[in-house]
Amino acid sequence: RSKLLRALTERSKVQASADGFCLSRPGRR
């Protein structure tokens, strides 16, 4: 899903470490 994840990072905040990653993006509500 790398293509999707790269697109999501354009609109998301990212936390990442050797253990994994977490994204957060603004929504309508």
PDB file of all heavy atoms in Angstrom:
ATOM      1  N   ARG A   1       0.832  -1.215   0.000  1.00  0.00           N
ATOM      2  CA  ARG A   1       0.000   0.000   0.000  1.00  0.00           C
ATOM      3  C   ARG A   1       0.862   1.258   0.000  1.00  0.00           C
ATOM      4  O   ARG A   1       0.399   2.326   0.411  1.00  0.00           O
ATOM      5  CB  ARG A   1      -0.927   0.010   1.213  1.00  0.00           C
ATOM      6  CG  ARG A   1      -1.860  -1.183   1.316  1.00  0.00           C
ATOM      7  CD  ARG A   1      -2.955  -0.938   2.355  1.00  0.00           C
ATOM      8  NE  ARG A   1      -2.397  -0.567   3.649  1.00  0.00           N
ATOM      9  CZ  ARG A   1      -3.105  -0.061   4.658  1.00  0.00           C
ATOM     10  NH1 ARG A   1      -4.389   0.137   4.518  1.00  0.00           N
ATOM     11  NH2 ARG A   1      -2.522   0.237   5.809  1.00  0.00           N
ATOM     12  N   SER A   2       2.101   1.164  -0.455  1.00  0.00           N
ATOM     13  CA  SER A   2       3.027   2.285  -0.353  1.00  0.00           C
ATOM     14  C   SER A   2       2.540   3.527  -1.104  1.00  0.00           C
ATOM     15  O   SER A   2       2.719   4.656  -0.636  1.00  0.00           O
ATOM     16  CB  SER A   2       4.415   1.878  -0.860  1.00  0.00           C
ATOM     17  OG  SER A   2       4.358   1.375  -2.180  1.00  0.00           O
ATOM     18  N   LYS A   3       1.903   3.334  -2.254  1.00  0.00           N
ATOM     19  CA  LYS A   3       1.399   4.478  -3.018  1.00  0.00           C
ATOM     20  C   LYS A   3       0.343   5.240  -2.223  1.00  0.00           C
ATOM     21  O   LYS A   3       0.366   6.480  -2.147  1.00  0.00           O
ATOM     22  CB  LYS A   3       0.813   3.988  -4.348  1.00  0.00           C
ATOM     23  CG  LYS A   3       0.320   5.076  -5.267  1.00  0.00           C
ATOM     24  CD  LYS A   3      -0.207   4.476  -6.575  1.00  0.00           C
ATOM     25  CE  LYS A   3      -0.763   5.540  -7.506  1.00  0.00           C
ATOM     26  NZ  LYS A   3      -1.317   4.943  -8.755  1.00  0.00           N
ATOM     27  N   LEU A   4      -0.557   4.505  -1.591  1.00  0.00           N
ATOM     28  CA  LEU A   4      -1.579   5.135  -0.761  1.00  0.00           C
ATOM     29  C   LEU A   4      -0.950   5.844   0.430  1.00  0.00           C
ATOM     30  O   LEU A   4      -1.292   6.995   0.735  1.00  0.00           O
ATOM     31  CB  LEU A   4      -2.571   4.083  -0.263  1.00  0.00           C
ATOM     32  CG  LEU A   4      -3.500   4.553   0.860  1.00  0.00           C
ATOM     33  CD1 LEU A   4      -4.512   5.562   0.338  1.00  0.00           C
ATOM     34  CD2 LEU A   4      -4.202   3.380   1.516  1.00  0.00           C
ATOM     35  N   LEU A   5      -0.026   5.190   1.111  1.00  0.00           N
ATOM     36  CA  LEU A   5       0.567   5.770   2.315  1.00  0.00           C
ATOM     37  C   LEU A   5       1.343   7.041   2.008  1.00  0.00           C
ATOM     38  O   LEU A   5       1.298   8.009   2.774  1.00  0.00           O
ATOM     39  CB  LEU A   5       1.459   4.749   3.004  1.00  0.00           C
ATOM     40  CG  LEU A   5       0.723   3.547   3.608  1.00  0.00           C
ATOM     41  CD1 LEU A   5       1.705   2.518   4.131  1.00  0.00           C
ATOM     42  CD2 LEU A   5      -0.208   3.989   4.721  1.00  0.00           C
ATOM     43  N   ARG A   6       2.023   7.066   0.891  1.00  0.00           N
ATOM     44  CA  ARG A   6       2.743   8.289   0.515  1.00  0.00           C
ATOM     45  C   ARG A   6       1.760   9.427   0.247  1.00  0.00           C
ATOM     46  O   ARG A   6       2.021  10.582   0.591  1.00  0.00           O
ATOM     47  CB  ARG A   6       3.625   8.027  -0.704  1.00  0.00           C
ATOM     48  CG  ARG A   6       4.803   7.109  -0.403  1.00  0.00           C
ATOM     49  CD  ARG A   6       5.802   7.064  -1.561  1.00  0.00           C
ATOM     50  NE  ARG A   6       6.918   6.189  -1.243  1.00  0.00           N
ATOM     51  CZ  ARG A   6       7.012   4.914  -1.630  1.00  0.00           C
ATOM     52  NH1 ARG A   6       6.038   4.376  -2.366  1.00  0.00           N
ATOM     53  NH2 ARG A   6       8.051   4.188  -1.288  1.00  0.00           N
ATOM     54  N   ALA A   7       0.623   9.101  -0.356  1.00  0.00           N
ATOM     55  CA  ALA A   7      -0.398  10.139  -0.586  1.00  0.00           C
ATOM     56  C   ALA A   7      -0.980  10.626   0.734  1.00  0.00           C
ATOM     57  O   ALA A   7      -1.223  11.825   0.910  1.00  0.00           O
ATOM     58  CB  ALA A   7      -1.500   9.594  -1.486  1.00  0.00           C
ATOM     59  N   LEU A   8      -1.197   9.712   1.667  1.00  0.00           N
ATOM     60  CA  LEU A   8      -1.745  10.112   2.966  1.00  0.00           C
ATOM     61  C   LEU A   8      -0.787  10.999   3.746  1.00  0.00           C
ATOM     62  O   LEU A   8      -1.214  11.896   4.476  1.00  0.00           O
ATOM     63  CB  LEU A   8      -2.098   8.873   3.792  1.00  0.00           C
ATOM     64  CG  LEU A   8      -3.330   8.084   3.351  1.00  0.00           C
ATOM     65  CD1 LEU A   8      -3.497   6.835   4.211  1.00  0.00           C
ATOM     66  CD2 LEU A   8      -4.593   8.945   3.418  1.00  0.00           C
ATOM     67  N   THR A   9       0.521  10.759   3.609  1.00  0.00           N
ATOM     68  CA  THR A   9       1.475  11.587   4.355  1.00  0.00           C
ATOM     69  C   THR A   9       1.461  13.034   3.886  1.00  0.00           C
ATOM     70  O   THR A   9       1.851  13.930   4.643  1.00  0.00           O
ATOM     71  CB  THR A   9       2.909  11.035   4.243  1.00  0.00           C
ATOM     72  OG1 THR A   9       3.291  10.978   2.865  1.00  0.00           O
ATOM     73  CG2 THR A   9       3.008   9.658   4.863  1.00  0.00           C
ATOM     74  N   GLU A  10       0.987  13.278   2.676  1.00  0.00           N
ATOM     75  CA  GLU A  10       0.904  14.650   2.182  1.00  0.00           C
ATOM     76  C   GLU A  10      -0.122  15.469   2.963  1.00  0.00           C
ATOM     77  O   GLU A  10      -0.050  16.702   2.983  1.00  0.00           O
ATOM     78  CB  GLU A  10       0.541  14.651   0.697  1.00  0.00           C
ATOM     79  CG  GLU A  10       1.585  14.017  -0.202  1.00  0.00           C
ATOM     80  CD  GLU A  10       1.121  13.927  -1.640  1.00  0.00           C
ATOM     81  OE1 GLU A  10       0.018  14.456  -1.950  1.00  0.00           O
ATOM     82  OE2 GLU A  10       1.837  13.333  -2.467  1.00  0.00           O
ATOM     83  N   ARG A  11      -1.073  14.787   3.599  1.00  0.00           N
ATOM     84  CA  ARG A  11      -2.124  15.490   4.335  1.00  0.00           C
ATOM     85  C   ARG A  11      -2.169  15.073   5.803  1.00  0.00           C
ATOM     86  O   ARG A  11      -3.144  15.366   6.492  1.00  0.00           O
ATOM     87  CB  ARG A  11      -3.475  15.203   3.675  1.00  0.00           C
ATOM     88  CG  ARG A  11      -3.778  13.720   3.557  1.00  0.00           C
ATOM     89  CD  ARG A  11      -4.870  13.406   2.564  1.00  0.00           C
ATOM     90  NE  ARG A  11      -6.132  14.033   2.852  1.00  0.00           N
ATOM     91  CZ  ARG A  11      -7.246  13.824   2.169  1.00  0.00           C
ATOM     92  NH1 ARG A  11      -7.224  12.996   1.145  1.00  0.00           N
ATOM     93  NH2 ARG A  11      -8.360  14.428   2.484  1.00  0.00           N
ATOM     94  N   SER A  12      -1.125  14.392   6.281  1.00  0.00           N
ATOM     95  CA  SER A  12      -1.148  13.816   7.629  1.00  0.00           C
ATOM     96  C   SER A  12       0.061  14.245   8.450  1.00  0.00           C
ATOM     97  O   SER A  12       1.123  14.566   7.913  1.00  0.00           O
ATOM     98  CB  SER A  12      -1.152  12.280   7.557  1.00  0.00           C
ATOM     99  OG  SER A  12      -2.245  11.799   6.832  1.00  0.00           O
ATOM    100  N   LYS A  13      -0.096  14.193   9.753  1.00  0.00           N
ATOM    101  CA  LYS A  13       1.033  14.217  10.678  1.00  0.00           C
ATOM    102  C   LYS A  13       1.511  12.779  10.830  1.00  0.00           C
ATOM    103  O   LYS A  13       0.718  11.845  10.763  1.00  0.00           O
ATOM    104  CB  LYS A  13       0.600  14.773  12.035  1.00  0.00           C
ATOM    105  CG  LYS A  13       0.103  16.212  11.988  1.00  0.00           C
ATOM    106  CD  LYS A  13      -0.385  16.643  13.356  1.00  0.00           C
ATOM    107  CE  LYS A  13      -0.941  18.061  13.323  1.00  0.00           C
ATOM    108  NZ  LYS A  13      -1.485  18.472  14.656  1.00  0.00           N
ATOM    109  N   VAL A  14       2.822  12.616  11.057  1.00  0.00           N
ATOM    110  CA  VAL A  14       3.404  11.276  11.100  1.00  0.00           C
ATOM    111  C   VAL A  14       4.230  11.104  12.363  1.00  0.00           C
ATOM    112  O   VAL A  14       5.034  11.962  12.705  1.00  0.00           O
ATOM    113  CB  VAL A  14       4.298  11.014   9.870  1.00  0.00           C
ATOM    114  CG1 VAL A  14       4.883   9.605   9.929  1.00  0.00           C
ATOM    115  CG2 VAL A  14       3.515  11.206   8.575  1.00  0.00           C
ATOM    116  N   GLN A  15       4.004   9.987  13.048  1.00  0.00           N
ATOM    117  CA  GLN A  15       4.897   9.518  14.104  1.00  0.00           C
ATOM    118  C   GLN A  15       5.507   8.224  13.593  1.00  0.00           C
ATOM    119  O   GLN A  15       4.793   7.347  13.104  1.00  0.00           O
ATOM    120  CB  GLN A  15       4.117   9.222  15.391  1.00  0.00           C
ATOM    121  CG  GLN A  15       3.431  10.429  16.003  1.00  0.00           C
ATOM    122  CD  GLN A  15       4.246  11.066  17.124  1.00  0.00           C
ATOM    123  OE1 GLN A  15       5.466  10.912  17.164  1.00  0.00           O
ATOM    124  NE2 GLN A  15       3.576  11.751  18.009  1.00  0.00           N
ATOM    125  N   ALA A  16       6.838   8.092  13.699  1.00  0.00           N
ATOM    126  CA  ALA A  16       7.481   6.888  13.194  1.00  0.00           C
ATOM    127  C   ALA A  16       8.683   6.535  14.049  1.00  0.00           C
ATOM    128  O   ALA A  16       9.360   7.416  14.586  1.00  0.00           O
ATOM    129  CB  ALA A  16       7.914   7.085  11.742  1.00  0.00           C
ATOM    130  N   SER A  17       8.923   5.263  14.184  1.00  0.00           N
ATOM    131  CA  SER A  17      10.093   4.756  14.897  1.00  0.00           C
ATOM    132  C   SER A  17      10.440   3.403  14.306  1.00  0.00           C
ATOM    133  O   SER A  17       9.789   2.926  13.364  1.00  0.00           O
ATOM    134  CB  SER A  17       9.806   4.629  16.392  1.00  0.00           C
ATOM    135  OG  SER A  17       9.042   3.465  16.663  1.00  0.00           O
ATOM    136  N   ALA A  18      11.453   2.758  14.870  1.00  0.00           N
ATOM    137  CA  ALA A  18      11.811   1.419  14.408  1.00  0.00           C
ATOM    138  C   ALA A  18      10.691   0.422  14.661  1.00  0.00           C
ATOM    139  O   ALA A  18      10.641  -0.637  14.018  1.00  0.00           O
ATOM    140  CB  ALA A  18      13.090   0.962  15.097  1.00  0.00           C
ATOM    141  N   ASP A  19       9.756   0.744  15.571  1.00  0.00           N
ATOM    142  CA  ASP A  19       8.660  -0.163  15.910  1.00  0.00           C
ATOM    143  C   ASP A  19       7.476  -0.065  14.959  1.00  0.00           C
ATOM    144  O   ASP A  19       6.677  -0.992  14.862  1.00  0.00           O
ATOM    145  CB  ASP A  19       8.170   0.100  17.333  1.00  0.00           C
ATOM    146  CG  ASP A  19       9.182  -0.334  18.379  1.00  0.00           C
ATOM    147  OD1 ASP A  19       9.794  -1.396  18.194  1.00  0.00           O
ATOM    148  OD2 ASP A  19       9.354   0.399  19.358  1.00  0.00           O
ATOM    149  N   GLY A  20       7.339   1.088  14.282  1.00  0.00           N
ATOM    150  CA  GLY A  20       6.185   1.236  13.405  1.00  0.00           C
ATOM    151  C   GLY A  20       5.915   2.682  13.065  1.00  0.00           C
ATOM    152  O   GLY A  20       6.793   3.549  13.180  1.00  0.00           O
ATOM    153  N   PHE A  21       4.664   2.972  12.663  1.00  0.00           N
ATOM    154  CA  PHE A  21       4.289   4.336  12.301  1.00  0.00           C
ATOM    155  C   PHE A  21       2.822   4.567  12.626  1.00  0.00           C
ATOM    156  O   PHE A  21       2.022   3.627  12.752  1.00  0.00           O
ATOM    157  CB  PHE A  21       4.550   4.609  10.813  1.00  0.00           C
ATOM    158  CG  PHE A  21       3.670   3.816   9.884  1.00  0.00           C
ATOM    159  CD1 PHE A  21       2.437   4.298   9.469  1.00  0.00           C
ATOM    160  CD2 PHE A  21       4.068   2.574   9.426  1.00  0.00           C
ATOM    161  CE1 PHE A  21       1.620   3.559   8.623  1.00  0.00           C
ATOM    162  CE2 PHE A  21       3.266   1.824   8.573  1.00  0.00           C
ATOM    163  CZ  PHE A  21       2.047   2.326   8.169  1.00  0.00           C
ATOM    164  N   CYS A  22       2.475   5.844  12.735  1.00  0.00           N
ATOM    165  CA  CYS A  22       1.088   6.241  12.975  1.00  0.00           C
ATOM    166  C   CYS A  22       0.843   7.565  12.272  1.00  0.00           C
ATOM    167  O   CYS A  22       1.666   8.481  12.376  1.00  0.00           O
ATOM    168  CB  CYS A  22       0.831   6.373  14.482  1.00  0.00           C
ATOM    169  SG  CYS A  22      -0.905   6.692  14.912  1.00  0.00           S
ATOM    170  N   LEU A  23      -0.269   7.650  11.544  1.00  0.00           N
ATOM    171  CA  LEU A  23      -0.637   8.861  10.819  1.00  0.00           C
ATOM    172  C   LEU A  23      -1.914   9.448  11.406  1.00  0.00           C
ATOM    173  O   LEU A  23      -2.740   8.731  11.970  1.00  0.00           O
ATOM    174  CB  LEU A  23      -0.881   8.554   9.338  1.00  0.00           C
ATOM    175  CG  LEU A  23       0.335   8.546   8.395  1.00  0.00           C
ATOM    176  CD1 LEU A  23       1.372   7.522   8.826  1.00  0.00           C
ATOM    177  CD2 LEU A  23      -0.108   8.283   6.954  1.00  0.00           C
ATOM    178  N   SER A  24      -2.059  10.755  11.246  1.00  0.00           N
ATOM    179  CA  SER A  24      -3.278  11.444  11.687  1.00  0.00           C
ATOM    180  C   SER A  24      -3.552  12.585  10.724  1.00  0.00           C
ATOM    181  O   SER A  24      -2.647  13.351  10.376  1.00  0.00           O
ATOM    182  CB  SER A  24      -3.089  11.982  13.111  1.00  0.00           C
ATOM    183  OG  SER A  24      -4.211  12.730  13.515  1.00  0.00           O
ATOM    184  N   ARG A  25      -4.817  12.693  10.262  1.00  0.00           N
ATOM    185  CA  ARG A  25      -5.159  13.715   9.284  1.00  0.00           C
ATOM    186  C   ARG A  25      -6.465  14.406   9.674  1.00  0.00           C
ATOM    187  O   ARG A  25      -7.327  13.818  10.337  1.00  0.00           O
ATOM    188  CB  ARG A  25      -5.281  13.105   7.889  1.00  0.00           C
ATOM    189  CG  ARG A  25      -6.356  12.044   7.727  1.00  0.00           C
ATOM    190  CD  ARG A  25      -6.264  11.368   6.363  1.00  0.00           C
ATOM    191  NE  ARG A  25      -7.349  10.430   6.094  1.00  0.00           N
ATOM    192  CZ  ARG A  25      -7.293   9.120   6.374  1.00  0.00           C
ATOM    193  NH1 ARG A  25      -6.217   8.608   6.966  1.00  0.00           N
ATOM    194  NH2 ARG A  25      -8.311   8.335   6.070  1.00  0.00           N
ATOM    195  N   PRO A  26      -6.639  15.660   9.258  1.00  0.00           N
ATOM    196  CA  PRO A  26      -7.880  16.368   9.574  1.00  0.00           C
ATOM    197  C   PRO A  26      -9.047  15.828   8.775  1.00  0.00           C
ATOM    198  O   PRO A  26      -8.904  15.474   7.594  1.00  0.00           O
ATOM    199  CB  PRO A  26      -7.567  17.823   9.201  1.00  0.00           C
ATOM    200  CG  PRO A  26      -6.484  17.723   8.157  1.00  0.00           C
ATOM    201  CD  PRO A  26      -5.689  16.513   8.523  1.00  0.00           C
ATOM    202  N   GLY A  27     -10.206  15.732   9.400  1.00  0.00           N
ATOM    203  CA  GLY A  27     -11.426  15.310   8.726  1.00  0.00           C
ATOM    204  C   GLY A  27     -12.467  16.410   8.762  1.00  0.00           C
ATOM    205  O   GLY A  27     -12.248  17.471   9.350  1.00  0.00           O
ATOM    206  N   ARG A  28     -13.608  16.169   8.139  1.00  0.00           N
ATOM    207  CA  ARG A  28     -14.659  17.196   8.074  1.00  0.00           C
ATOM    208  C   ARG A  28     -15.242  17.473   9.450  1.00  0.00           C
ATOM    209  O   ARG A  28     -15.533  18.615   9.793  1.00  0.00           O
ATOM    210  CB  ARG A  28     -15.761  16.734   7.118  1.00  0.00           C
ATOM    211  CG  ARG A  28     -16.856  17.773   6.896  1.00  0.00           C
ATOM    212  CD  ARG A  28     -17.733  17.385   5.717  1.00  0.00           C
ATOM    213  NE  ARG A  28     -18.414  16.121   5.935  1.00  0.00           N
ATOM    214  CZ  ARG A  28     -19.612  16.019   6.510  1.00  0.00           C
ATOM    215  NH1 ARG A  28     -20.246  17.106   6.938  1.00  0.00           N
ATOM    216  NH2 ARG A  28     -20.193  14.849   6.666  1.00  0.00           N
ATOM    217  N   ARG A  29     -15.397  16.417  10.254  1.00  0.00           N
ATOM    218  CA  ARG A  29     -16.000  16.580  11.578  1.00  0.00           C
ATOM    219  C   ARG A  29     -14.988  16.494  12.708  1.00  0.00           C
ATOM    220  O   ARG A  29     -15.184  17.098  13.761  1.00  0.00           O
ATOM    221  CB  ARG A  29     -17.081  15.521  11.797  1.00  0.00           C
ATOM    222  CG  ARG A  29     -18.267  15.646  10.868  1.00  0.00           C
ATOM    223  CD  ARG A  29     -19.330  14.604  11.195  1.00  0.00           C
ATOM    224  NE  ARG A  29     -20.503  14.739  10.360  1.00  0.00           N
ATOM    225  CZ  ARG A  29     -21.559  13.935  10.422  1.00  0.00           C
ATOM    226  NH1 ARG A  29     -21.568  12.932  11.285  1.00  0.00           N
ATOM    227  NH2 ARG A  29     -22.593  14.122   9.620  1.00  0.00           N
TER     228      ARG A  29
END
